[in-house]
Amino acid sequence: MALPIVKEVSAWLQVKQAAVYGWVAEGMMPALKIQRLRCFQREKIESWLDGCQIEPPNPSRPVRRLRSIAQPFHTPAPGRA
């Protein structure tokens, strides 16, 4: 039985490889390190996924909106540079 690597797990979960590396580095996702290669046991990933919960949106909490790239972060006061 071959162990899936980061590329295969990221394709399976439909996320970027960087996300998988980040989760592993933070200790959030179970992984094996075989020399320099990160490998995964499918059963452990499936149980990890079962434990992940997505919280439903809270209607009493306002939605934080991100600034547009075109909108400047700081607008100087008139007459000041």
C-alpha atoms as a PDB file:
ATOM      1  CA  MET A   1       0.000   0.000   0.000  1.00  0.00           C
ATOM      2  CA  ALA A   2       1.564   3.283  -1.134  1.00  0.00           C
ATOM      3  CA  LEU A   3       1.273   6.289   1.144  1.00  0.00           C
ATOM      4  CA  PRO A   4      -0.061   9.450  -0.503  1.00  0.00           C
ATOM      5  CA  ILE A   5       2.276  12.440  -0.644  1.00  0.00           C
ATOM      6  CA  VAL A   6       1.489  16.159  -0.352  1.00  0.00           C
ATOM      7  CA  LYS A   7       0.644  16.528  -4.044  1.00  0.00           C
ATOM      8  CA  GLU A   8      -1.891  13.707  -3.912  1.00  0.00           C
ATOM      9  CA  VAL A   9      -3.459  14.841  -0.616  1.00  0.00           C
ATOM     10  CA  SER A  10      -3.801  18.426  -1.852  1.00  0.00           C
ATOM     11  CA  ALA A  11      -5.515  17.180  -5.025  1.00  0.00           C
ATOM     12  CA  TRP A  12      -7.813  14.937  -2.954  1.00  0.00           C
ATOM     13  CA  LEU A  13      -8.775  17.788  -0.608  1.00  0.00           C
ATOM     14  CA  GLN A  14      -8.843  20.336  -3.448  1.00  0.00           C
ATOM     15  CA  VAL A  15      -6.503  22.753  -1.686  1.00  0.00           C
ATOM     16  CA  LYS A  16      -3.094  24.162  -2.545  1.00  0.00           C
ATOM     17  CA  GLN A  17      -0.010  22.194  -1.581  1.00  0.00           C
ATOM     18  CA  ALA A  18       1.097  25.160   0.535  1.00  0.00           C
ATOM     19  CA  ALA A  19      -2.034  24.724   2.674  1.00  0.00           C
ATOM     20  CA  VAL A  20      -1.181  21.079   3.345  1.00  0.00           C
ATOM     21  CA  TYR A  21       2.429  21.970   4.211  1.00  0.00           C
ATOM     22  CA  GLY A  22       1.160  24.702   6.541  1.00  0.00           C
ATOM     23  CA  TRP A  23      -1.282  22.400   8.334  1.00  0.00           C
ATOM     24  CA  VAL A  24       1.455  19.808   8.801  1.00  0.00           C
ATOM     25  CA  ALA A  25       3.942  22.415  10.064  1.00  0.00           C
ATOM     26  CA  GLU A  26       1.383  23.700  12.591  1.00  0.00           C
ATOM     27  CA  GLY A  27       0.671  20.152  13.762  1.00  0.00           C
ATOM     28  CA  MET A  28      -2.940  20.358  12.646  1.00  0.00           C
ATOM     29  CA  MET A  29      -2.754  17.555  10.062  1.00  0.00           C
ATOM     30  CA  PRO A  30      -1.305  14.109  10.797  1.00  0.00           C
ATOM     31  CA  ALA A  31       1.664  13.248   8.606  1.00  0.00           C
ATOM     32  CA  LEU A  32       4.697  11.013   8.493  1.00  0.00           C
ATOM     33  CA  LYS A  33       8.154  12.250   7.629  1.00  0.00           C
ATOM     34  CA  ILE A  34      10.184   9.706   5.715  1.00  0.00           C
ATOM     35  CA  GLN A  35      13.575  11.294   5.105  1.00  0.00           C
ATOM     36  CA  ARG A  36      12.583  14.562   3.396  1.00  0.00           C
ATOM     37  CA  LEU A  37       9.203  13.350   2.141  1.00  0.00           C
ATOM     38  CA  ARG A  38       5.867  14.015   3.863  1.00  0.00           C
ATOM     39  CA  CYS A  39       3.544  11.024   3.606  1.00  0.00           C
ATOM     40  CA  PHE A  40       0.034  10.482   4.883  1.00  0.00           C
ATOM     41  CA  GLN A  41      -2.097   7.572   6.010  1.00  0.00           C
ATOM     42  CA  ARG A  42      -5.473   7.824   4.318  1.00  0.00           C
ATOM     43  CA  GLU A  43      -7.323   6.533   7.403  1.00  0.00           C
ATOM     44  CA  LYS A  44      -5.748   9.192   9.635  1.00  0.00           C
ATOM     45  CA  ILE A  45      -6.568  11.959   7.142  1.00  0.00           C
ATOM     46  CA  GLU A  46     -10.174  10.746   6.923  1.00  0.00           C
ATOM     47  CA  SER A  47     -10.532  10.733  10.730  1.00  0.00           C
ATOM     48  CA  TRP A  48      -8.850  14.171  10.851  1.00  0.00           C
ATOM     49  CA  LEU A  49     -11.440  15.428   8.360  1.00  0.00           C
ATOM     50  CA  ASP A  50     -14.255  13.937  10.451  1.00  0.00           C
ATOM     51  CA  GLY A  51     -12.974  15.925  13.414  1.00  0.00           C
ATOM     52  CA  CYS A  52     -12.876  19.199  11.476  1.00  0.00           C
ATOM     53  CA  GLN A  53     -16.002  21.252  11.929  1.00  0.00           C
ATOM     54  CA  ILE A  54     -17.036  24.274   9.956  1.00  0.00           C
ATOM     55  CA  GLU A  55     -18.903  26.717  12.135  1.00  0.00           C
ATOM     56  CA  PRO A  56     -22.099  28.127  10.645  1.00  0.00           C
ATOM     57  CA  PRO A  57     -22.084  31.913  10.227  1.00  0.00           C
ATOM     58  CA  ASN A  58     -23.165  33.850  13.297  1.00  0.00           C
ATOM     59  CA  PRO A  59     -25.877  36.355  12.263  1.00  0.00           C
ATOM     60  CA  SER A  60     -25.200  38.557  15.312  1.00  0.00           C
ATOM     61  CA  ARG A  61     -21.537  38.961  14.378  1.00  0.00           C
ATOM     62  CA  PRO A  62     -20.827  41.534  11.654  1.00  0.00           C
ATOM     63  CA  VAL A  63     -19.026  40.361   8.549  1.00  0.00           C
ATOM     64  CA  ARG A  64     -15.538  41.792   8.230  1.00  0.00           C
ATOM     65  CA  ARG A  65     -15.009  43.165   4.770  1.00  0.00           C
ATOM     66  CA  LEU A  66     -11.560  43.280   3.238  1.00  0.00           C
ATOM     67  CA  ARG A  67     -10.337  46.440   1.605  1.00  0.00           C
ATOM     68  CA  SER A  68     -10.167  46.659  -2.112  1.00  0.00           C
ATOM     69  CA  ILE A  69      -6.648  46.633  -3.543  1.00  0.00           C
ATOM     70  CA  ALA A  70      -7.415  49.939  -5.251  1.00  0.00           C
ATOM     71  CA  GLN A  71      -8.440  51.555  -1.946  1.00  0.00           C
ATOM     72  CA  PRO A  72      -5.473  53.051  -0.088  1.00  0.00           C
ATOM     73  CA  PHE A  73      -4.800  51.965   3.486  1.00  0.00           C
ATOM     74  CA  HIS A  74      -4.182  55.493   4.682  1.00  0.00           C
ATOM     75  CA  THR A  75      -5.434  58.739   3.196  1.00  0.00           C
ATOM     76  CA  PRO A  76      -3.405  61.722   4.421  1.00  0.00           C
ATOM     77  CA  ALA A  77      -5.349  64.625   5.854  1.00  0.00           C
ATOM     78  CA  PRO A  78      -5.808  67.577   3.488  1.00  0.00           C
ATOM     79  CA  GLY A  79      -2.810  69.891   3.562  1.00  0.00           C
ATOM     80  CA  ARG A  80      -0.493  67.191   4.934  1.00  0.00           C
ATOM     81  CA  ALA A  81       1.835  65.025   2.914  1.00  0.00           C
END
